[in-house]
Amino acid sequence: MAAPQLKSAMTSENAPLIAPEPRPGSNLPEFTVGDLARRLKRSIEEEFGFVRVRGEISQPKKHSSGHCYMRLKDDSAVIEAVCWRGTMAKLAVRPEEGLEVIVTGRMTTYPGRSQYQLIVESMELAGEGALLKMLEERKRRLAAEGLFDPARKKRIPFLPDVIGVVTSPTGAVIRDILHRLNDRFPRHVLLWPVAVQGERAAAEVTAAIEGFNRIQPGGRIPRPDLIIVARGGGSLEDLMAFNEENVVRAAASSAIPLISAVGHETDTTLIDFASDLRAPTPTAAAEMAVPVRGELLAQILDDERRLLASASRAVEDRRNRVEGLARGLGDPRALLEGHAQRLDDRAERLNLAASALLERRRTRIGELAAKLRHPREKLAQAEQKLASESRALDSALRHAVTTAGGRFDRVAGRLSLTPARVKLADGERRIADLTPRLDRSYAKGVADKAAKLASLGQLLESYSYKGVLARGFALVEDRDGRPVTRADQATPGLAVNIVFAGDAKVAATVDGGTKVDSTNEPTTDTKAEKKAAPRKPRVVPVQGTLF
C-alpha cells in the first residue's frame, strides 16, 4: 500500500503546515520528522514568545563567533540558553558560573538536536544578595591577582598642576568638584565626559582612565598629575559600572595617581580598592587633591617667622660663644704690633746685610783684579817663552844631526842623512812593528787567563754542595743555620730546617727515633773501596768541607 501524498509541502519554517491525510484503517495523521519539528517550534514560539526566567547560570561558554551558550537551572530542571553576539555587548551583567539571574527572552527550539532553548535578550541579577555574592567573588579573585595590594598604591601629589576628572559633564558632581577646588586652591582641570550609569558606563570610564595615561608630557594637551573618578550616590545597580573588571584593572594599572569618589560615604565599589586613595564623596576628593591656599599661606608665614626666630637665636648664640672665646684670647692688635716691629727690624737688617755683602763682593773683585796681569804682558811673556824653546829645539836638532853624521839645511828645511841615520830609521820601523805584535800577545794572554778562570769556576761549582742537593740530596741544619752532620746532634725535639735544591727550606722537628748502627755491615761504598784498593789512586785536588 503506497504512502499517502501530502497536499502541500513547504520547506520554510514559517510556512503553514497542512495536516496529512490519515492512513486507511487509522485516524492518526503521519508527519515527517522535519514537519513535526517545525510544528513544535511554531507552537512553542507562539506560546512563549516573551518570557522572564529566573535561574542559576551553569556552564557558560563563549564561542569564537562571539555568541554565548549557557544553561539556566534550578533544583528541578535545566533549560539551554543562548545569547547572540549583538546582545552580549548590551548585557548589564556578564554571565558567570553560579550567578543567579533573571533572564528576559523568547523560547524556541533547535531541531538539529531536538531541544528547546531560551534566546536571551536581557539579563539582570536575581537580587541584591546574589549581586553582593558576585561582587564578593570578583573582589576575592582580583585581590588574589594583587590588584588591591597596598604596595602598588602611589603617593598623591601635594599640589598637582593639572587634575583630570572622569565623570558626567551634566551632573552636580563636576560642579561640586570645581567649586571646592576654587575655594581651596584653583587648579587647571581637564574633564573627560563619560556615562556613569548604564551599559556604556564601564567601557567609557575605562577608556577615560587609559586616555589620560596616554597623554604625553609636554604636548598640546597637558598631562594630568592626578585623576579623580567621581559619581554621585545611587543604588547598588546604579554603581555597577564601577564594579566591572575592566574598570578595576584600568584603575590599578594607571601610572597617574588616582582618587576614587564614587557614591556616598557608605557606598563601596571595587574601584575603591584598586585606586590609590578613596574619597567618601566627590567633594571630599577635591579636598584631598589640593590644600587650602589660605591655610598654606598661613603655614608658610608661620614657618617663615619660626625660621627667622630660630636663625636669630642661632646667630645670637654663636655671637655669645665667640665673645666668650675671645675673652680667653690675647689682644690681636698687640700680637700684630710685636710682629710688625719684628718685621721692621728684620727689613732693616736685611737692607744693611745686602749693602755689606755688596761691599765685600766689590772689595774681593778689586783684590782679584789687582792680581791679574795685563794681556799684553802675558803675550810678551808667551813670546819670550816661545823664542826660548825655539832656540833650544834648534840647538837640539843641530846636535842630533851632527851626531847622526848628517846636516840640516835651515834655509831649505831639509835633513841630509848619513848611513847611521838610515840604520836609526830601520830601528824605528822595527819598533813600530813590535806594537801590534805586543797587542796580539797581550790579547792572547788575557784570553788564556779567562779560559783558565772559567775552568776553575766550573771546578769550583762542581765542588759546591748545591750541586749535591740538585742530585737529590738534602741538607739538615738547625734554626741558627748550623749544619747537623752527626746523629748524636739530632736530639729529640730539635727544630731543624731541611734545605733542598733551589734554596727551598722545610721546617721539621726531630721525633727522637732510634739510632741505626751501620758499623757491623759494610756499605756498598765500603765494599767498592776495598775492591778498588789495589788500583793506583788518582790525584785530585784537596776538597774542604762543604759547610
Protein backbone atom coordinates (compact mmCIF):
# COMPACT_ATOMS: atom_id res chain seq x y z
CA MET A 1 0.00 0.00 0.00
CA ALA A 2 1.51 3.28 -1.08
CA ALA A 3 2.11 6.06 1.39
CA PRO A 4 -0.43 8.87 1.31
CA GLN A 5 0.50 12.04 -0.53
CA LEU A 6 0.67 15.38 1.32
CA LYS A 7 -1.48 18.12 -0.02
CA SER A 8 1.17 20.80 0.45
CA ALA A 9 4.88 20.58 1.16
CA MET A 10 6.78 23.76 2.09
CA THR A 11 10.44 23.96 3.21
CA SER A 12 10.12 27.27 5.00
CA GLU A 13 9.92 27.00 8.76
CA ASN A 14 7.35 29.80 8.93
CA ALA A 15 5.12 28.36 6.15
CA PRO A 16 1.72 27.00 7.23
CA LEU A 17 1.62 23.27 7.85
CA ILE A 18 -1.26 21.20 6.41
CA ALA A 19 -2.16 18.06 8.29
CA PRO A 20 -1.63 14.92 6.22
CA GLU A 21 -4.44 12.55 5.44
CA PRO A 22 -4.79 9.62 7.81
CA ARG A 23 -3.78 6.21 6.68
CA PRO A 24 -6.55 3.82 5.75
CA GLY A 25 -7.64 1.96 8.85
CA SER A 26 -6.22 4.67 11.17
CA ASN A 27 -7.44 8.11 12.08
CA LEU A 28 -3.92 9.43 13.11
CA PRO A 29 -2.12 11.58 10.54
CA GLU A 30 1.54 10.92 9.72
CA PHE A 31 4.27 13.65 9.93
CA THR A 32 7.82 13.70 8.76
CA VAL A 33 10.48 14.48 11.33
CA GLY A 34 11.06 17.95 9.90
CA ASP A 35 7.32 18.73 9.77
CA LEU A 36 6.88 17.70 13.38
CA ALA A 37 9.93 19.72 14.48
CA ARG A 38 8.67 22.81 12.70
CA ARG A 39 5.19 22.41 14.18
CA LEU A 40 6.67 22.10 17.68
CA LYS A 41 8.91 25.11 17.07
CA ARG A 42 5.96 27.25 15.97
CA SER A 43 3.83 26.13 18.88
CA ILE A 44 6.49 26.93 21.46
CA GLU A 45 7.36 30.30 19.94
CA GLU A 46 3.67 31.30 19.79
CA GLU A 47 3.02 30.17 23.37
CA PHE A 48 6.24 31.54 24.92
CA GLY A 49 7.11 34.46 22.67
CA PHE A 50 8.28 36.65 25.59
CA VAL A 51 9.19 35.19 29.00
CA ARG A 52 11.17 36.10 32.12
CA VAL A 53 13.02 33.19 33.65
CA ARG A 54 14.84 33.09 36.97
CA GLY A 55 17.64 30.60 37.43
CA GLU A 56 21.30 29.93 38.09
CA ILE A 57 23.82 30.16 35.24
CA SER A 58 25.67 26.92 34.61
CA GLN A 59 28.49 26.12 32.17
CA PRO A 60 28.69 29.50 30.37
CA LYS A 61 30.80 29.18 27.20
CA LYS A 62 31.67 31.98 24.83
CA HIS A 63 32.08 30.75 21.25
CA SER A 64 34.71 32.08 18.86
CA SER A 65 31.86 33.65 16.86
CA GLY A 66 31.01 35.87 19.85
CA HIS A 67 27.83 34.00 20.86
CA CYS A 68 27.47 32.76 24.44
CA TYR A 69 25.91 29.40 25.26
CA MET A 70 24.81 28.56 28.80
CA ARG A 71 22.31 26.70 30.94
CA LEU A 72 19.70 28.04 33.35
CA LYS A 73 18.90 25.67 36.15
CA ASP A 74 17.16 25.41 39.46
CA ASP A 75 16.74 22.50 41.84
CA SER A 76 14.41 20.61 39.45
CA ALA A 77 15.10 21.47 35.79
CA VAL A 78 17.61 22.78 33.25
CA ILE A 79 16.98 24.99 30.20
CA GLU A 80 19.51 25.59 27.43
CA ALA A 81 20.02 29.27 26.65
CA VAL A 82 21.93 31.22 24.02
CA CYS A 83 22.86 34.92 23.83
CA TRP A 84 23.77 36.22 20.39
CA ARG A 85 26.89 38.34 19.86
CA GLY A 86 24.98 41.59 19.32
CA THR A 87 23.08 41.10 22.58
CA MET A 88 26.22 40.19 24.59
CA ALA A 89 27.60 43.73 24.19
CA LYS A 90 24.41 45.20 25.68
CA LEU A 91 24.10 42.99 28.77
CA ALA A 92 24.40 44.79 32.10
CA VAL A 93 25.59 41.60 33.78
CA ARG A 94 28.22 39.29 32.30
CA PRO A 95 27.32 35.61 32.50
CA GLU A 96 29.36 33.85 35.17
CA GLU A 97 29.22 30.38 36.68
CA GLY A 98 26.82 30.10 39.61
CA LEU A 99 25.31 33.56 39.16
CA GLU A 100 21.57 33.75 39.87
CA VAL A 101 19.92 35.98 37.28
CA ILE A 102 16.57 36.92 35.78
CA VAL A 103 16.65 36.48 32.01
CA THR A 104 14.21 38.06 29.58
CA GLY A 105 13.86 36.47 26.14
CA ARG A 106 11.86 34.14 23.95
CA MET A 107 11.60 30.36 23.78
CA THR A 108 12.39 28.44 20.62
CA THR A 109 13.59 25.03 19.56
CA TYR A 110 16.69 23.73 17.82
CA PRO A 111 15.51 20.91 15.57
CA GLY A 112 19.05 19.78 14.85
CA ARG A 113 19.31 18.47 18.44
CA SER A 114 15.62 18.08 19.30
CA GLN A 115 15.93 20.56 22.20
CA TYR A 116 14.20 23.71 23.25
CA GLN A 117 16.21 26.75 24.30
CA LEU A 118 15.85 30.29 25.52
CA ILE A 119 17.08 33.18 23.36
CA VAL A 120 18.39 35.74 25.88
CA GLU A 121 17.51 39.40 25.21
CA SER A 122 18.46 40.91 28.58
CA MET A 123 19.88 39.74 31.89
CA GLU A 124 19.82 41.12 35.40
CA LEU A 125 20.75 39.82 38.79
CA ALA A 126 18.05 37.99 40.70
CA GLY A 127 18.51 40.10 43.85
CA GLU A 128 20.88 42.19 45.92
CA GLY A 129 22.12 39.12 47.76
CA ALA A 130 23.21 37.48 44.53
CA LEU A 131 24.76 40.74 43.35
CA LEU A 132 26.76 41.08 46.54
CA LYS A 133 27.81 37.46 46.26
CA MET A 134 29.00 38.07 42.72
CA LEU A 135 30.87 41.23 43.77
CA GLU A 136 32.48 39.45 46.69
CA GLU A 137 33.65 36.63 44.44
CA ARG A 138 35.05 39.14 41.93
CA LYS A 139 36.75 41.08 44.70
CA ARG A 140 38.37 37.92 46.03
CA ARG A 141 39.62 36.92 42.56
CA LEU A 142 41.06 40.37 41.77
CA ALA A 143 42.68 40.59 45.20
CA ALA A 144 44.36 37.24 44.57
CA GLU A 145 45.93 38.77 41.46
CA GLY A 146 47.43 41.56 43.59
CA LEU A 147 45.40 44.45 42.16
CA PHE A 148 44.48 45.65 45.67
CA ASP A 149 47.98 45.29 47.12
CA PRO A 150 48.89 48.41 49.18
CA ALA A 151 52.44 48.23 47.80
CA ARG A 152 51.07 49.11 44.34
CA LYS A 153 49.44 52.33 45.50
CA LYS A 154 51.13 55.59 44.52
CA ARG A 155 51.54 58.74 46.57
CA ILE A 156 49.09 61.55 45.85
CA PRO A 157 50.96 64.74 44.79
CA PHE A 158 50.83 67.58 47.32
CA LEU A 159 49.80 70.29 44.86
CA PRO A 160 49.04 68.97 41.35
CA ASP A 161 49.18 71.46 38.48
CA VAL A 162 46.62 69.62 36.32
CA ILE A 163 43.76 67.47 37.62
CA GLY A 164 41.87 65.09 35.33
CA VAL A 165 38.24 64.39 36.28
CA VAL A 166 36.29 61.40 34.93
CA THR A 167 32.57 61.97 35.46
CA SER A 168 29.36 63.05 33.80
CA PRO A 169 29.53 66.58 32.36
CA THR A 170 25.88 67.33 33.20
CA GLY A 171 25.69 66.16 36.81
CA ALA A 172 26.21 68.07 40.01
CA VAL A 173 29.45 66.18 40.73
CA ILE A 174 31.65 68.21 38.40
CA ARG A 175 30.18 71.48 39.73
CA ASP A 176 30.88 70.42 43.32
CA ILE A 177 34.47 69.48 42.46
CA LEU A 178 35.15 72.76 40.60
CA HIS A 179 33.54 74.80 43.37
CA ARG A 180 35.61 73.09 46.08
CA LEU A 181 38.83 73.46 44.08
CA ASN A 182 38.20 77.19 43.56
CA ASP A 183 37.57 77.63 47.29
CA ARG A 184 40.68 75.77 48.37
CA PHE A 185 43.32 76.22 45.65
CA PRO A 186 42.33 76.86 42.00
CA ARG A 187 43.91 74.36 39.61
CA HIS A 188 43.74 73.51 35.90
CA VAL A 189 41.02 70.85 35.47
CA LEU A 190 40.58 68.53 32.47
CA LEU A 191 37.13 66.91 32.22
CA TRP A 192 36.70 63.61 30.38
CA PRO A 193 32.93 63.25 29.97
CA VAL A 194 31.60 59.72 30.46
CA ALA A 195 28.34 57.97 31.23
CA VAL A 196 28.33 56.96 34.90
CA GLN A 197 25.38 54.57 34.64
CA GLY A 198 24.10 52.13 32.06
CA GLU A 199 25.53 49.72 29.56
CA ARG A 200 28.19 52.12 28.16
CA ALA A 201 29.45 53.41 31.51
CA ALA A 202 32.12 50.78 32.25
CA ALA A 203 33.69 50.98 28.78
CA GLU A 204 33.74 54.80 28.80
CA VAL A 205 35.27 55.04 32.28
CA THR A 206 37.95 52.54 31.29
CA ALA A 207 38.70 54.48 28.10
CA ALA A 208 38.90 57.76 30.07
CA ILE A 209 41.45 56.41 32.57
CA GLU A 210 43.54 54.89 29.81
CA GLY A 211 43.21 58.04 27.69
CA PHE A 212 44.56 60.28 30.45
CA ASN A 213 47.55 57.92 30.86
CA ARG A 214 48.28 58.04 27.12
CA ILE A 215 48.71 61.84 27.11
CA GLN A 216 52.40 62.61 26.61
CA PRO A 217 54.08 65.20 28.85
CA GLY A 218 54.83 68.49 27.13
CA GLY A 219 52.17 68.05 24.46
CA ARG A 220 49.41 70.35 23.33
CA ILE A 221 47.11 68.92 26.00
CA PRO A 222 48.75 68.93 29.45
CA ARG A 223 49.14 65.56 31.14
CA PRO A 224 47.25 65.38 34.45
CA ASP A 225 49.20 64.96 37.67
CA LEU A 226 46.12 63.44 39.36
CA ILE A 227 42.94 61.68 38.21
CA ILE A 228 39.62 61.82 40.06
CA VAL A 229 36.94 59.25 39.11
CA ALA A 230 33.70 60.60 40.59
CA ARG A 231 29.97 59.82 40.67
CA GLY A 232 27.10 60.75 42.90
CA GLY A 233 25.21 58.34 45.12
CA GLY A 234 22.82 55.64 43.90
CA SER A 235 21.67 52.09 44.32
CA LEU A 236 23.94 49.11 44.02
CA GLU A 237 22.73 48.51 40.47
CA ASP A 238 23.43 52.16 39.57
CA LEU A 239 27.03 51.83 40.74
CA MET A 240 27.67 48.52 38.95
CA ALA A 241 29.75 50.20 36.22
CA PHE A 242 32.46 50.91 38.81
CA ASN A 243 32.49 47.26 39.88
CA GLU A 244 33.28 45.98 36.40
CA GLU A 245 36.57 44.15 35.99
CA ASN A 246 37.86 46.31 33.13
CA VAL A 247 37.35 49.49 35.20
CA VAL A 248 39.14 47.99 38.20
CA ARG A 249 42.08 46.84 36.08
CA ALA A 250 42.37 50.25 34.40
CA ALA A 251 42.46 51.99 37.80
CA ALA A 252 45.07 49.54 39.15
CA SER A 253 47.36 49.92 36.11
CA SER A 254 47.13 53.73 35.93
CA ALA A 255 50.55 55.37 36.04
CA ILE A 256 48.93 58.62 37.24
CA PRO A 257 47.79 58.65 40.89
CA LEU A 258 44.02 58.11 41.05
CA ILE A 259 41.37 59.08 43.63
CA SER A 260 38.05 57.24 43.53
CA ALA A 261 34.98 59.19 44.71
CA VAL A 262 32.01 57.01 43.76
CA GLY A 263 28.74 57.30 45.67
CA HIS A 264 28.27 58.44 49.21
CA GLU A 265 30.37 57.60 52.25
CA THR A 266 28.59 54.28 52.86
CA ASP A 267 28.87 53.16 49.21
CA THR A 268 31.79 50.89 48.35
CA THR A 269 32.78 49.77 44.87
CA LEU A 270 35.67 47.66 43.63
CA ILE A 271 37.40 50.67 42.09
CA ASP A 272 37.85 52.00 45.64
CA PHE A 273 40.16 49.07 46.43
CA ALA A 274 42.21 49.47 43.23
CA SER A 275 42.59 53.27 43.42
CA ASP A 276 45.48 54.97 45.20
CA LEU A 277 43.13 56.85 47.53
CA ARG A 278 39.39 56.57 48.27
CA ALA A 279 37.29 59.65 48.98
CA PRO A 280 33.87 59.27 50.66
CA THR A 281 32.33 61.88 48.32
CA PRO A 282 33.35 63.84 45.21
CA THR A 283 33.65 66.98 47.33
CA ALA A 284 36.00 65.18 49.68
CA ALA A 285 38.06 64.07 46.68
CA ALA A 286 38.59 67.74 45.73
CA GLU A 287 39.63 68.48 49.32
CA MET A 288 42.13 65.61 49.24
CA ALA A 289 43.53 66.73 45.89
CA VAL A 290 44.67 70.23 46.93
CA PRO A 291 45.39 72.01 50.22
CA VAL A 292 43.65 75.18 51.36
CA ARG A 293 45.53 78.11 49.90
CA GLY A 294 44.88 80.36 52.88
CA GLU A 295 46.00 77.72 55.34
CA LEU A 296 49.06 77.02 53.22
CA LEU A 297 49.97 80.72 53.17
CA ALA A 298 49.44 80.94 56.92
CA GLN A 299 51.60 77.87 57.42
CA ILE A 300 54.31 79.35 55.22
CA LEU A 301 54.21 82.66 57.10
CA ASP A 302 54.35 80.83 60.42
CA ASP A 303 57.24 78.72 59.21
CA GLU A 304 58.99 81.87 58.00
CA ARG A 305 58.52 83.53 61.38
CA ARG A 306 59.79 80.47 63.20
CA LEU A 307 62.72 80.16 60.81
CA LEU A 308 63.74 83.79 61.31
CA ALA A 309 63.42 83.45 65.07
CA SER A 310 65.44 80.26 65.05
CA ALA A 311 68.11 81.83 62.84
CA SER A 312 68.27 84.90 65.08
CA ARG A 313 68.66 82.73 68.17
CA ALA A 314 71.36 80.66 66.46
CA VAL A 315 73.28 83.78 65.40
CA GLU A 316 72.99 85.25 68.90
CA ASP A 317 74.20 82.00 70.48
CA ARG A 318 77.16 81.91 68.10
CA ARG A 319 77.96 85.59 68.84
CA ASN A 320 77.93 84.98 72.59
CA ARG A 321 80.11 81.91 72.17
CA VAL A 322 82.62 83.81 70.00
CA GLU A 323 82.73 86.66 72.51
CA GLY A 324 83.33 84.20 75.34
CA LEU A 325 86.13 82.55 73.44
CA ALA A 326 87.58 85.95 72.53
CA ARG A 327 87.90 86.86 76.21
CA GLY A 328 90.28 83.96 76.68
CA LEU A 329 92.50 85.08 73.82
CA GLY A 330 95.05 87.89 73.73
CA ASP A 331 94.52 91.19 72.01
CA PRO A 332 95.18 90.58 68.26
CA ARG A 333 96.38 94.17 67.86
CA ALA A 334 99.09 93.66 70.48
CA LEU A 335 100.19 90.46 68.77
CA LEU A 336 100.30 92.20 65.41
CA GLU A 337 102.24 95.16 66.82
CA GLY A 338 105.03 92.88 68.11
CA HIS A 339 105.21 91.08 64.78
CA ALA A 340 105.18 94.38 62.89
CA GLN A 341 108.11 95.66 64.97
CA ARG A 342 110.00 92.43 64.41
CA LEU A 343 109.27 92.70 60.68
CA ASP A 344 110.68 96.27 60.58
CA ASP A 345 113.81 95.12 62.39
CA ARG A 346 114.31 92.22 60.00
CA ALA A 347 113.78 94.52 57.00
CA GLU A 348 116.37 96.99 58.27
CA ARG A 349 118.88 94.25 58.97
CA LEU A 350 118.22 92.81 55.52
CA ASN A 351 118.99 96.13 53.87
CA LEU A 352 122.21 96.54 55.89
CA ALA A 353 123.26 92.96 55.15
CA ALA A 354 122.68 93.46 51.43
CA SER A 355 124.81 96.63 51.44
CA ALA A 356 127.60 94.94 53.41
CA LEU A 357 127.52 91.94 51.11
CA LEU A 358 127.79 94.13 48.01
CA GLU A 359 130.72 96.00 49.59
CA ARG A 360 132.53 92.73 50.39
CA ARG A 361 131.97 91.46 46.86
CA ARG A 362 133.27 94.73 45.43
CA THR A 363 136.40 94.56 47.58
CA ARG A 364 137.02 90.95 46.60
CA ILE A 365 136.66 91.76 42.93
CA GLY A 366 139.17 94.59 43.33
CA GLU A 367 141.65 92.25 45.02
CA LEU A 368 141.30 89.67 42.26
CA ALA A 369 141.58 92.35 39.59
CA ALA A 370 144.86 93.57 41.20
CA LYS A 371 146.31 90.08 40.93
CA LEU A 372 145.55 89.80 37.23
CA ARG A 373 148.22 90.82 34.63
CA HIS A 374 147.55 92.77 31.51
CA PRO A 375 147.08 90.66 28.36
CA ARG A 376 149.96 92.45 26.70
CA GLU A 377 152.29 91.30 29.47
CA LYS A 378 151.04 87.75 29.14
CA LEU A 379 151.53 87.86 25.34
CA ALA A 380 155.02 89.22 25.73
CA GLN A 381 155.90 86.51 28.26
CA ALA A 382 154.49 83.85 25.91
CA GLU A 383 156.55 85.21 23.00
CA GLN A 384 159.69 85.11 25.12
CA LYS A 385 159.00 81.56 26.19
CA LEU A 386 158.30 80.51 22.58
CA ALA A 387 161.56 82.09 21.36
CA SER A 388 163.49 80.38 24.15
CA GLU A 389 162.03 76.97 23.35
CA SER A 390 162.63 77.55 19.62
CA ARG A 391 166.28 78.21 20.28
CA ALA A 392 166.54 75.14 22.47
CA LEU A 393 164.87 72.99 19.81
CA ASP A 394 167.16 74.34 17.12
CA SER A 395 170.21 73.58 19.21
CA ALA A 396 168.96 70.05 19.99
CA LEU A 397 168.23 69.40 16.35
CA ARG A 398 171.66 70.54 15.28
CA HIS A 399 173.24 68.35 17.92
CA ALA A 400 171.21 65.31 16.76
CA VAL A 401 172.11 65.89 13.11
CA THR A 402 175.75 66.24 13.93
CA THR A 403 175.66 63.09 16.00
CA ALA A 404 173.95 61.16 13.21
CA GLY A 405 176.50 62.32 10.62
CA GLY A 406 174.13 64.46 8.56
CA ARG A 407 173.45 68.06 8.21
CA PHE A 408 170.35 70.25 8.38
CA ASP A 409 169.76 72.93 5.80
CA ARG A 410 167.88 75.59 7.71
CA VAL A 411 167.13 77.59 4.62
CA ALA A 412 165.91 74.64 2.52
CA GLY A 413 164.32 72.93 5.51
CA ARG A 414 165.79 69.54 4.55
CA LEU A 415 167.75 66.95 6.53
CA SER A 416 170.60 65.09 4.82
CA LEU A 417 171.01 61.65 6.46
CA THR A 418 174.13 59.55 6.69
CA PRO A 419 174.18 55.69 6.74
CA ALA A 420 173.90 55.82 10.54
CA ARG A 421 170.72 57.75 10.17
CA VAL A 422 169.35 55.08 7.83
CA LYS A 423 170.10 52.45 10.43
CA LEU A 424 168.27 54.52 13.01
CA ALA A 425 165.26 54.70 10.72
CA ASP A 426 165.23 50.90 10.33
CA GLY A 427 165.25 50.51 14.09
CA GLU A 428 162.28 52.83 14.38
CA ARG A 429 160.34 50.72 11.84
CA ARG A 430 161.06 47.55 13.80
CA ILE A 431 159.88 49.23 16.94
CA ALA A 432 156.70 50.26 15.11
CA ASP A 433 156.16 46.60 14.05
CA LEU A 434 156.52 45.42 17.65
CA THR A 435 153.48 47.44 18.78
CA PRO A 436 150.72 45.32 17.07
CA ARG A 437 152.58 42.15 17.99
CA LEU A 438 152.57 43.25 21.61
CA ASP A 439 148.83 43.95 21.39
CA ARG A 440 148.12 40.49 19.96
CA SER A 441 150.27 38.81 22.56
CA TYR A 442 148.53 40.71 25.33
CA ALA A 443 145.07 39.82 23.96
CA LYS A 444 146.02 36.13 23.72
CA GLY A 445 147.37 36.13 27.27
CA VAL A 446 144.12 37.69 28.54
CA ALA A 447 142.03 35.10 26.61
CA ASP A 448 144.07 32.23 28.09
CA LYS A 449 143.65 33.59 31.62
CA ALA A 450 139.90 33.98 31.03
CA ALA A 451 139.57 30.37 29.82
CA LYS A 452 141.52 29.12 32.82
CA LEU A 453 139.36 31.22 35.14
CA ALA A 454 136.19 29.76 33.59
CA SER A 455 137.57 26.22 34.01
CA LEU A 456 138.38 26.89 37.64
CA GLY A 457 134.89 28.35 38.12
CA GLN A 458 133.28 25.18 36.74
CA LEU A 459 135.50 23.07 39.01
CA LEU A 460 134.50 25.20 41.98
CA GLU A 461 130.83 24.86 41.04
CA SER A 462 131.21 21.06 40.87
CA TYR A 463 132.66 21.11 44.39
CA SER A 464 129.73 23.20 45.70
CA TYR A 465 127.19 21.42 47.94
CA LYS A 466 124.36 22.94 45.84
CA GLY A 467 125.27 20.51 43.07
CA VAL A 468 124.87 17.68 45.57
CA LEU A 469 121.43 18.99 46.55
CA ALA A 470 120.44 19.14 42.87
CA ARG A 471 121.17 15.39 42.57
CA GLY A 472 118.51 14.58 45.18
CA PHE A 473 120.29 15.08 48.49
CA ALA A 474 119.16 17.37 51.31
CA LEU A 475 120.94 19.40 53.98
CA VAL A 476 119.81 19.34 57.62
CA GLU A 477 120.61 22.41 59.69
CA ASP A 478 119.34 23.83 62.94
CA ARG A 479 117.33 27.02 63.21
CA ASP A 480 120.56 29.05 63.59
CA GLY A 481 121.82 27.81 60.21
CA ARG A 482 124.47 25.39 61.60
CA PRO A 483 124.59 22.03 59.76
CA VAL A 484 123.68 18.86 61.64
CA THR A 485 126.34 16.37 60.50
CA ARG A 486 126.21 13.68 63.21
CA ALA A 487 123.42 11.54 64.58
CA ASP A 488 124.14 12.46 68.20
CA GLN A 489 123.42 16.09 67.33
CA ALA A 490 119.84 15.20 66.30
CA THR A 491 118.38 15.23 69.80
CA PRO A 492 114.61 14.58 70.19
CA GLY A 493 112.54 17.74 69.79
CA LEU A 494 115.30 19.58 67.95
CA ALA A 495 113.81 22.10 65.48
CA VAL A 496 115.63 21.82 62.18
CA ASN A 497 115.37 23.08 58.61
CA ILE A 498 115.71 20.71 55.66
CA VAL A 499 117.28 22.52 52.72
CA PHE A 500 116.53 21.23 49.20
CA ALA A 501 117.75 22.29 45.81
CA GLY A 502 116.86 25.84 44.81
CA ASP A 503 117.32 27.15 48.42
CA ALA A 504 113.89 25.76 49.38
CA LYS A 505 113.57 25.05 53.11
CA VAL A 506 111.10 22.90 55.03
CA ALA A 507 110.79 23.25 58.81
CA ALA A 508 110.82 19.94 60.75
CA THR A 509 111.30 18.56 64.26
CA VAL A 510 113.37 15.51 65.26
CA ASP A 511 110.97 12.94 66.75
CA GLY A 512 113.66 11.03 68.71
CA GLY A 513 113.88 7.84 66.65
CA THR A 514 116.41 5.01 67.34
CA LYS A 515 119.92 5.48 66.00
CA VAL A 516 120.79 2.98 63.22
CA ASP A 517 124.11 1.17 63.76
CA SER A 518 125.90 0.78 60.48
CA THR A 519 129.31 -0.41 61.85
CA ASN A 520 128.67 -4.15 61.61
CA GLU A 521 127.88 -4.44 57.95
CA PRO A 522 129.91 -2.55 55.43
CA THR A 523 128.01 -0.39 52.99
CA THR A 524 128.17 -0.72 49.27
CA ASP A 525 130.56 2.21 49.09
CA THR A 526 132.96 0.48 51.57
CA LYS A 527 132.94 -2.71 49.53
CA ALA A 528 133.61 -0.76 46.43
CA GLU A 529 136.55 0.98 48.10
CA LYS A 530 138.01 -2.34 49.22
CA LYS A 531 137.74 -3.76 45.72
CA ALA A 532 139.28 -0.65 44.25
CA ALA A 533 142.18 -0.51 46.77
CA PRO A 534 144.83 -2.19 44.61
CA ARG A 535 144.37 0.41 41.92
CA LYS A 536 146.65 3.42 41.79
CA PRO A 537 144.90 6.35 43.40
CA ARG A 538 144.12 9.32 41.22
CA VAL A 539 145.46 12.65 42.28
CA VAL A 540 142.54 15.00 42.93
CA PRO A 541 142.53 18.46 44.42
CA VAL A 542 142.08 18.65 48.13
CA GLN A 543 138.44 19.45 48.92
CA GLY A 544 137.45 21.03 52.18
CA THR A 545 134.11 20.76 53.97
CA LEU A 546 131.04 21.81 52.05
CA PHE A 547 129.80 23.77 55.03
